[in-house]
Amino acid sequence: MGFGTKGKIKMTETKRTYKTIKWILRNHIKNNVRSLWTYENDNFTCIYENYDGDARIYTPHQMLRLIQNNFILNERQRSTQ
C-alpha cells in the first residue's frame, strides 16, 4: 500500500498581474518616496543604499511604465495566440 496520490497533477499556467509591485510603486509615487528599483531574473528590488550591480536602475514611474507596457501587454498577447 502506497502513500500519497497516484496519477498526474495538472498544473495550470497563471497570468501574472504584478498587482503587489504596482501597488507599492503607486504608493511610492503618491507619497513622493525617493526610491530606485532594479529588475533582474524576474525579481523586483528596491535599492536603499549604494548599489554596485550591473542591472539597470529605474525610478518608480519608469518601473510602473515598464510593467504596464511590457510585461502585461506581452502576457495578453501570448494568451490570445
PDB file of N, CA and C in Angstrom:
ATOM      1  N   MET A   1       0.854  -1.181   0.000  1.00  0.00           N
ATOM      2  CA  MET A   1       0.000   0.000   0.000  1.00  0.00           C
ATOM      3  C   MET A   1       0.894   1.236   0.000  1.00  0.00           C
ATOM      4  N   GLY A   2       0.667   2.107  -0.951  1.00  0.00           N
ATOM      5  CA  GLY A   2       1.489   3.308  -1.080  1.00  0.00           C
ATOM      6  C   GLY A   2       0.802   4.523  -0.487  1.00  0.00           C
ATOM      7  N   PHE A   3       1.624   5.442  -0.099  1.00  0.00           N
ATOM      8  CA  PHE A   3       1.086   6.697   0.427  1.00  0.00           C
ATOM      9  C   PHE A   3       1.179   7.778  -0.636  1.00  0.00           C
ATOM     10  N   GLY A   4       0.363   8.801  -0.515  1.00  0.00           N
ATOM     11  CA  GLY A   4       0.395   9.902  -1.478  1.00  0.00           C
ATOM     12  C   GLY A   4      -0.680   9.728  -2.522  1.00  0.00           C
ATOM     13  N   THR A   5      -0.586  10.512  -3.560  1.00  0.00           N
ATOM     14  CA  THR A   5      -1.594  10.432  -4.615  1.00  0.00           C
ATOM     15  C   THR A   5      -0.975   9.829  -5.861  1.00  0.00           C
ATOM     16  N   LYS A   6      -1.768   9.030  -6.519  1.00  0.00           N
ATOM     17  CA  LYS A   6      -1.332   8.446  -7.775  1.00  0.00           C
ATOM     18  C   LYS A   6      -1.923   9.276  -8.899  1.00  0.00           C
ATOM     19  N   GLY A   7      -1.256   9.260 -10.017  1.00  0.00           N
ATOM     20  CA  GLY A   7      -1.756   9.998 -11.169  1.00  0.00           C
ATOM     21  C   GLY A   7      -0.946  11.254 -11.397  1.00  0.00           C
ATOM     22  N   LYS A   8      -1.358  11.958 -12.408  1.00  0.00           N
ATOM     23  CA  LYS A   8      -0.642  13.171 -12.778  1.00  0.00           C
ATOM     24  C   LYS A   8      -1.331  14.389 -12.181  1.00  0.00           C
ATOM     25  N   ILE A   9      -0.525  15.324 -11.749  1.00  0.00           N
ATOM     26  CA  ILE A   9      -1.064  16.581 -11.240  1.00  0.00           C
ATOM     27  C   ILE A   9      -1.048  17.565 -12.388  1.00  0.00           C
ATOM     28  N   LYS A  10      -2.186  18.128 -12.691  1.00  0.00           N
ATOM     29  CA  LYS A  10      -2.291  19.067 -13.796  1.00  0.00           C
ATOM     30  C   LYS A  10      -2.025  20.477 -13.282  1.00  0.00           C
ATOM     31  N   MET A  11      -0.976  21.094 -13.801  1.00  0.00           N
ATOM     32  CA  MET A  11      -0.637  22.453 -13.405  1.00  0.00           C
ATOM     33  C   MET A  11      -1.215  23.406 -14.448  1.00  0.00           C
ATOM     34  N   THR A  12      -1.906  24.401 -13.990  1.00  0.00           N
ATOM     35  CA  THR A  12      -2.425  25.393 -14.926  1.00  0.00           C
ATOM     36  C   THR A  12      -1.529  26.612 -14.892  1.00  0.00           C
ATOM     37  N   GLU A  13      -1.330  27.202 -16.035  1.00  0.00           N
ATOM     38  CA  GLU A  13      -0.499  28.392 -16.132  1.00  0.00           C
ATOM     39  C   GLU A  13      -1.323  29.581 -15.668  1.00  0.00           C
ATOM     40  N   THR A  14      -0.774  30.347 -14.749  1.00  0.00           N
ATOM     41  CA  THR A  14      -1.490  31.513 -14.267  1.00  0.00           C
ATOM     42  C   THR A  14      -0.885  32.767 -14.858  1.00  0.00           C
ATOM     43  N   LYS A  15      -1.733  33.723 -15.120  1.00  0.00           N
ATOM     44  CA  LYS A  15      -1.279  35.005 -15.642  1.00  0.00           C
ATOM     45  C   LYS A  15      -0.823  35.864 -14.483  1.00  0.00           C
ATOM     46  N   ARG A  16       0.321  36.479 -14.643  1.00  0.00           N
ATOM     47  CA  ARG A  16       0.820  37.378 -13.608  1.00  0.00           C
ATOM     48  C   ARG A  16       0.209  38.747 -13.826  1.00  0.00           C
ATOM     49  N   THR A  17      -0.261  39.341 -12.759  1.00  0.00           N
ATOM     50  CA  THR A  17      -0.851  40.669 -12.856  1.00  0.00           C
ATOM     51  C   THR A  17       0.039  41.740 -12.253  1.00  0.00           C
ATOM     52  N   TYR A  18       1.066  41.332 -11.519  1.00  0.00           N
ATOM     53  CA  TYR A  18       2.003  42.265 -10.889  1.00  0.00           C
ATOM     54  C   TYR A  18       1.268  43.237  -9.963  1.00  0.00           C
ATOM     55  N   LYS A  19       0.203  42.774  -9.352  1.00  0.00           N
ATOM     56  CA  LYS A  19      -0.645  43.616  -8.519  1.00  0.00           C
ATOM     57  C   LYS A  19       0.108  44.233  -7.340  1.00  0.00           C
ATOM     58  N   THR A  20       0.900  43.455  -6.639  1.00  0.00           N
ATOM     59  CA  THR A  20       1.594  43.949  -5.446  1.00  0.00           C
ATOM     60  C   THR A  20       2.646  44.978  -5.792  1.00  0.00           C
ATOM     61  N   ILE A  21       3.480  44.689  -6.787  1.00  0.00           N
ATOM     62  CA  ILE A  21       4.534  45.635  -7.142  1.00  0.00           C
ATOM     63  C   ILE A  21       3.933  46.928  -7.684  1.00  0.00           C
ATOM     64  N   LYS A  22       2.848  46.840  -8.434  1.00  0.00           N
ATOM     65  CA  LYS A  22       2.194  48.059  -8.936  1.00  0.00           C
ATOM     66  C   LYS A  22       1.651  48.881  -7.774  1.00  0.00           C
ATOM     67  N   TRP A  23       1.087  48.208  -6.775  1.00  0.00           N
ATOM     68  CA  TRP A  23       0.553  48.908  -5.604  1.00  0.00           C
ATOM     69  C   TRP A  23       1.685  49.640  -4.867  1.00  0.00           C
ATOM     70  N   ILE A  24       2.810  48.959  -4.683  1.00  0.00           N
ATOM     71  CA  ILE A  24       3.956  49.565  -3.995  1.00  0.00           C
ATOM     72  C   ILE A  24       4.475  50.767  -4.776  1.00  0.00           C
ATOM     73  N   LEU A  25       4.646  50.604  -6.082  1.00  0.00           N
ATOM     74  CA  LEU A  25       5.155  51.699  -6.908  1.00  0.00           C
ATOM     75  C   LEU A  25       4.216  52.898  -6.898  1.00  0.00           C
ATOM     76  N   ARG A  26       2.919  52.640  -6.996  1.00  0.00           N
ATOM     77  CA  ARG A  26       1.945  53.747  -6.959  1.00  0.00           C
ATOM     78  C   ARG A  26       1.990  54.477  -5.621  1.00  0.00           C
ATOM     79  N   ASN A  27       2.172  53.737  -4.533  1.00  0.00           N
ATOM     80  CA  ASN A  27       2.271  54.379  -3.224  1.00  0.00           C
ATOM     81  C   ASN A  27       3.553  55.190  -3.103  1.00  0.00           C
ATOM     82  N   HIS A  28       4.643  54.699  -3.654  1.00  0.00           N
ATOM     83  CA  HIS A  28       5.885  55.470  -3.647  1.00  0.00           C
ATOM     84  C   HIS A  28       5.705  56.772  -4.422  1.00  0.00           C
ATOM     85  N   ILE A  29       5.032  56.690  -5.570  1.00  0.00           N
ATOM     86  CA  ILE A  29       4.790  57.889  -6.375  1.00  0.00           C
ATOM     87  C   ILE A  29       3.876  58.854  -5.633  1.00  0.00           C
ATOM     88  N   LYS A  30       2.794  58.343  -5.083  1.00  0.00           N
ATOM     89  CA  LYS A  30       1.815  59.177  -4.375  1.00  0.00           C
ATOM     90  C   LYS A  30       2.437  59.876  -3.166  1.00  0.00           C
ATOM     91  N   ASN A  31       3.299  59.170  -2.441  1.00  0.00           N
ATOM     92  CA  ASN A  31       3.886  59.713  -1.211  1.00  0.00           C
ATOM     93  C   ASN A  31       5.263  60.340  -1.437  1.00  0.00           C
ATOM     94  N   ASN A  32       5.624  60.527  -2.710  1.00  0.00           N
ATOM     95  CA  ASN A  32       6.908  61.139  -3.070  1.00  0.00           C
ATOM     96  C   ASN A  32       8.102  60.456  -2.402  1.00  0.00           C
ATOM     97  N   VAL A  33       8.065  59.135  -2.362  1.00  0.00           N
ATOM     98  CA  VAL A  33       9.181  58.370  -1.814  1.00  0.00           C
ATOM     99  C   VAL A  33      10.284  58.346  -2.866  1.00  0.00           C
ATOM    100  N   ARG A  34      11.472  58.705  -2.464  1.00  0.00           N
ATOM    101  CA  ARG A  34      12.607  58.690  -3.396  1.00  0.00           C
ATOM    102  C   ARG A  34      13.240  57.307  -3.363  1.00  0.00           C
ATOM    103  N   SER A  35      12.762  56.463  -4.239  1.00  0.00           N
ATOM    104  CA  SER A  35      13.276  55.099  -4.292  1.00  0.00           C
ATOM    105  C   SER A  35      13.784  54.796  -5.687  1.00  0.00           C
ATOM    106  N   LEU A  36      14.671  53.843  -5.771  1.00  0.00           N
ATOM    107  CA  LEU A  36      15.180  53.354  -7.044  1.00  0.00           C
ATOM    108  C   LEU A  36      14.980  51.843  -7.086  1.00  0.00           C
ATOM    109  N   TRP A  37      14.752  51.318  -8.282  1.00  0.00           N
ATOM    110  CA  TRP A  37      14.402  49.916  -8.448  1.00  0.00           C
ATOM    111  C   TRP A  37      15.249  49.254  -9.517  1.00  0.00           C
ATOM    112  N   THR A  38      15.433  47.953  -9.379  1.00  0.00           N
ATOM    113  CA  THR A  38      16.042  47.146 -10.427  1.00  0.00           C
ATOM    114  C   THR A  38      15.106  45.984 -10.731  1.00  0.00           C
ATOM    115  N   TYR A  39      15.255  45.438 -11.920  1.00  0.00           N
ATOM    116  CA  TYR A  39      14.509  44.249 -12.323  1.00  0.00           C
ATOM    117  C   TYR A  39      15.500  43.293 -12.965  1.00  0.00           C
ATOM    118  N   GLU A  40      15.658  42.120 -12.357  1.00  0.00           N
ATOM    119  CA  GLU A  40      16.606  41.139 -12.849  1.00  0.00           C
ATOM    120  C   GLU A  40      16.100  39.745 -12.516  1.00  0.00           C
ATOM    121  N   ASN A  41      16.119  38.859 -13.490  1.00  0.00           N
ATOM    122  CA  ASN A  41      15.716  37.457 -13.282  1.00  0.00           C
ATOM    123  C   ASN A  41      14.330  37.346 -12.657  1.00  0.00           C
ATOM    124  N   ASP A  42      13.399  38.135 -13.168  1.00  0.00           N
ATOM    125  CA  ASP A  42      12.012  38.146 -12.704  1.00  0.00           C
ATOM    126  C   ASP A  42      11.886  38.557 -11.237  1.00  0.00           C
ATOM    127  N   ASN A  43      12.806  39.375 -10.749  1.00  0.00           N
ATOM    128  CA  ASN A  43      12.766  39.891  -9.379  1.00  0.00           C
ATOM    129  C   ASN A  43      12.839  41.411  -9.385  1.00  0.00           C
ATOM    130  N   PHE A  44      11.951  42.034  -8.643  1.00  0.00           N
ATOM    131  CA  PHE A  44      11.971  43.476  -8.456  1.00  0.00           C
ATOM    132  C   PHE A  44      12.680  43.762  -7.141  1.00  0.00           C
ATOM    133  N   THR A  45      13.618  44.711  -7.166  1.00  0.00           N
ATOM    134  CA  THR A  45      14.371  45.038  -5.966  1.00  0.00           C
ATOM    135  C   THR A  45      14.409  46.538  -5.773  1.00  0.00           C
ATOM    136  N   CYS A  46      14.043  46.970  -4.581  1.00  0.00           N
ATOM    137  CA  CYS A  46      14.130  48.378  -4.224  1.00  0.00           C
ATOM    138  C   CYS A  46      15.517  48.615  -3.642  1.00  0.00           C
ATOM    139  N   ILE A  47      16.194  49.645  -4.141  1.00  0.00           N
ATOM    140  CA  ILE A  47      17.557  49.946  -3.702  1.00  0.00           C
ATOM    141  C   ILE A  47      17.490  50.969  -2.580  1.00  0.00           C
ATOM    142  N   TYR A  48      18.023  50.627  -1.442  1.00  0.00           N
ATOM    143  CA  TYR A  48      18.001  51.526  -0.299  1.00  0.00           C
ATOM    144  C   TYR A  48      19.340  52.211  -0.066  1.00  0.00           C
ATOM    145  N   GLU A  49      20.407  51.540  -0.402  1.00  0.00           N
ATOM    146  CA  GLU A  49      21.734  52.087  -0.154  1.00  0.00           C
ATOM    147  C   GLU A  49      22.532  52.058  -1.442  1.00  0.00           C
ATOM    148  N   ASN A  50      23.801  52.273  -1.358  1.00  0.00           N
ATOM    149  CA  ASN A  50      24.650  52.268  -2.546  1.00  0.00           C
ATOM    150  C   ASN A  50      24.480  50.967  -3.314  1.00  0.00           C
ATOM    151  N   TYR A  51      24.395  51.097  -4.614  1.00  0.00           N
ATOM    152  CA  TYR A  51      24.184  49.942  -5.485  1.00  0.00           C
ATOM    153  C   TYR A  51      25.390  49.777  -6.391  1.00  0.00           C
ATOM    154  N   ASP A  52      25.931  48.578  -6.448  1.00  0.00           N
ATOM    155  CA  ASP A  52      27.094  48.348  -7.288  1.00  0.00           C
ATOM    156  C   ASP A  52      26.874  47.222  -8.301  1.00  0.00           C
ATOM    157  N   GLY A  53      25.624  46.913  -8.582  1.00  0.00           N
ATOM    158  CA  GLY A  53      25.319  45.852  -9.539  1.00  0.00           C
ATOM    159  C   GLY A  53      25.314  46.359 -10.971  1.00  0.00           C
ATOM    160  N   ASP A  54      25.045  45.449 -11.892  1.00  0.00           N
ATOM    161  CA  ASP A  54      25.036  45.791 -13.313  1.00  0.00           C
ATOM    162  C   ASP A  54      23.640  45.998 -13.877  1.00  0.00           C
ATOM    163  N   ALA A  55      22.606  45.709 -13.111  1.00  0.00           N
ATOM    164  CA  ALA A  55      21.238  45.834 -13.610  1.00  0.00           C
ATOM    165  C   ALA A  55      20.859  47.299 -13.786  1.00  0.00           C
ATOM    166  N   ARG A  56      19.980  47.541 -14.738  1.00  0.00           N
ATOM    167  CA  ARG A  56      19.511  48.894 -14.979  1.00  0.00           C
ATOM    168  C   ARG A  56      18.694  49.377 -13.781  1.00  0.00           C
ATOM    169  N   ILE A  57      18.801  50.662 -13.492  1.00  0.00           N
ATOM    170  CA  ILE A  57      18.095  51.254 -12.355  1.00  0.00           C
ATOM    171  C   ILE A  57      16.915  52.072 -12.878  1.00  0.00           C
ATOM    172  N   TYR A  58      15.758  51.915 -12.221  1.00  0.00           N
ATOM    173  CA  TYR A  58      14.527  52.594 -12.620  1.00  0.00           C
ATOM    174  C   TYR A  58      13.972  53.415 -11.466  1.00  0.00           C
ATOM    175  N   THR A  59      13.297  54.526 -11.801  1.00  0.00           N
ATOM    176  CA  THR A  59      12.505  55.256 -10.812  1.00  0.00           C
ATOM    177  C   THR A  59      11.163  54.531 -10.706  1.00  0.00           C
ATOM    178  N   PRO A  60      10.346  54.841  -9.682  1.00  0.00           N
ATOM    179  CA  PRO A  60       9.031  54.200  -9.595  1.00  0.00           C
ATOM    180  C   PRO A  60       8.170  54.437 -10.843  1.00  0.00           C
ATOM    181  N   HIS A  61       8.204  55.652 -11.417  1.00  0.00           N
ATOM    182  CA  HIS A  61       7.437  55.941 -12.633  1.00  0.00           C
ATOM    183  C   HIS A  61       7.898  55.046 -13.788  1.00  0.00           C
ATOM    184  N   GLN A  62       9.204  54.934 -13.964  1.00  0.00           N
ATOM    185  CA  GLN A  62       9.743  54.127 -15.050  1.00  0.00           C
ATOM    186  C   GLN A  62       9.406  52.648 -14.871  1.00  0.00           C
ATOM    187  N   MET A  63       9.522  52.148 -13.651  1.00  0.00           N
ATOM    188  CA  MET A  63       9.246  50.741 -13.386  1.00  0.00           C
ATOM    189  C   MET A  63       7.768  50.428 -13.614  1.00  0.00           C
ATOM    190  N   LEU A  64       6.888  51.319 -13.189  1.00  0.00           N
ATOM    191  CA  LEU A  64       5.454  51.115 -13.392  1.00  0.00           C
ATOM    192  C   LEU A  64       5.131  51.093 -14.882  1.00  0.00           C
ATOM    193  N   ARG A  65       5.723  51.999 -15.646  1.00  0.00           N
ATOM    194  CA  ARG A  65       5.531  52.017 -17.092  1.00  0.00           C
ATOM    195  C   ARG A  65       6.073  50.735 -17.734  1.00  0.00           C
ATOM    196  N   LEU A  66       7.208  50.274 -17.284  1.00  0.00           N
ATOM    197  CA  LEU A  66       7.800  49.044 -17.801  1.00  0.00           C
ATOM    198  C   LEU A  66       6.863  47.857 -17.576  1.00  0.00           C
ATOM    199  N   ILE A  67       6.310  47.769 -16.388  1.00  0.00           N
ATOM    200  CA  ILE A  67       5.397  46.666 -16.069  1.00  0.00           C
ATOM    201  C   ILE A  67       4.147  46.746 -16.926  1.00  0.00           C
ATOM    202  N   GLN A  68       3.529  47.931 -16.992  1.00  0.00           N
ATOM    203  CA  GLN A  68       2.270  48.078 -17.722  1.00  0.00           C
ATOM    204  C   GLN A  68       2.450  47.902 -19.224  1.00  0.00           C
ATOM    205  N   ASN A  69       3.510  48.457 -19.771  1.00  0.00           N
ATOM    206  CA  ASN A  69       3.685  48.422 -21.224  1.00  0.00           C
ATOM    207  C   ASN A  69       4.320  47.135 -21.729  1.00  0.00           C
ATOM    208  N   ASN A  70       5.232  46.571 -20.989  1.00  0.00           N
ATOM    209  CA  ASN A  70       5.953  45.402 -21.493  1.00  0.00           C
ATOM    210  C   ASN A  70       5.422  44.085 -20.960  1.00  0.00           C
ATOM    211  N   PHE A  71       5.406  43.919 -19.660  1.00  0.00           N
ATOM    212  CA  PHE A  71       5.077  42.624 -19.085  1.00  0.00           C
ATOM    213  C   PHE A  71       3.615  42.258 -19.280  1.00  0.00           C
ATOM    214  N   ILE A  72       2.717  43.167 -18.940  1.00  0.00           N
ATOM    215  CA  ILE A  72       1.289  42.853 -19.006  1.00  0.00           C
ATOM    216  C   ILE A  72       0.830  42.732 -20.451  1.00  0.00           C
ATOM    217  N   LEU A  73       1.296  43.627 -21.333  1.00  0.00           N
ATOM    218  CA  LEU A  73       0.921  43.531 -22.746  1.00  0.00           C
ATOM    219  C   LEU A  73       1.451  42.256 -23.378  1.00  0.00           C
ATOM    220  N   ASN A  74       2.671  41.856 -23.042  1.00  0.00           N
ATOM    221  CA  ASN A  74       3.238  40.621 -23.583  1.00  0.00           C
ATOM    222  C   ASN A  74       2.439  39.404 -23.147  1.00  0.00           C
ATOM    223  N   GLU A  75       1.994  39.379 -21.891  1.00  0.00           N
ATOM    224  CA  GLU A  75       1.206  38.241 -21.415  1.00  0.00           C
ATOM    225  C   GLU A  75      -0.158  38.207 -22.088  1.00  0.00           C
ATOM    226  N   ARG A  76      -0.752  39.373 -22.328  1.00  0.00           N
ATOM    227  CA  ARG A  76      -2.037  39.413 -23.023  1.00  0.00           C
ATOM    228  C   ARG A  76      -1.892  38.893 -24.454  1.00  0.00           C
ATOM    229  N   GLN A  77      -0.804  39.279 -25.116  1.00  0.00           N
ATOM    230  CA  GLN A  77      -0.579  38.827 -26.491  1.00  0.00           C
ATOM    231  C   GLN A  77      -0.361  37.323 -26.527  1.00  0.00           C
ATOM    232  N   ARG A  78       0.368  36.768 -25.557  1.00  0.00           N
ATOM    233  CA  ARG A  78       0.589  35.325 -25.516  1.00  0.00           C
ATOM    234  C   ARG A  78      -0.704  34.561 -25.278  1.00  0.00           C
ATOM    235  N   SER A  79      -1.603  35.136 -24.465  1.00  0.00           N
ATOM    236  CA  SER A  79      -2.843  34.435 -24.144  1.00  0.00           C
ATOM    237  C   SER A  79      -3.827  34.441 -25.313  1.00  0.00           C
ATOM    238  N   THR A  80      -3.683  35.396 -26.248  1.00  0.00           N
ATOM    239  CA  THR A  80      -4.602  35.428 -27.393  1.00  0.00           C
ATOM    240  C   THR A  80      -4.099  34.592 -28.556  1.00  0.00           C
ATOM    241  N   GLN A  81      -2.889  34.093 -28.465  1.00  0.00           N
ATOM    242  CA  GLN A  81      -2.334  33.298 -29.577  1.00  0.00           C
ATOM    243  C   GLN A  81      -2.743  31.868 -29.478  1.00  0.00           C
TER     244      GLN A  81
END
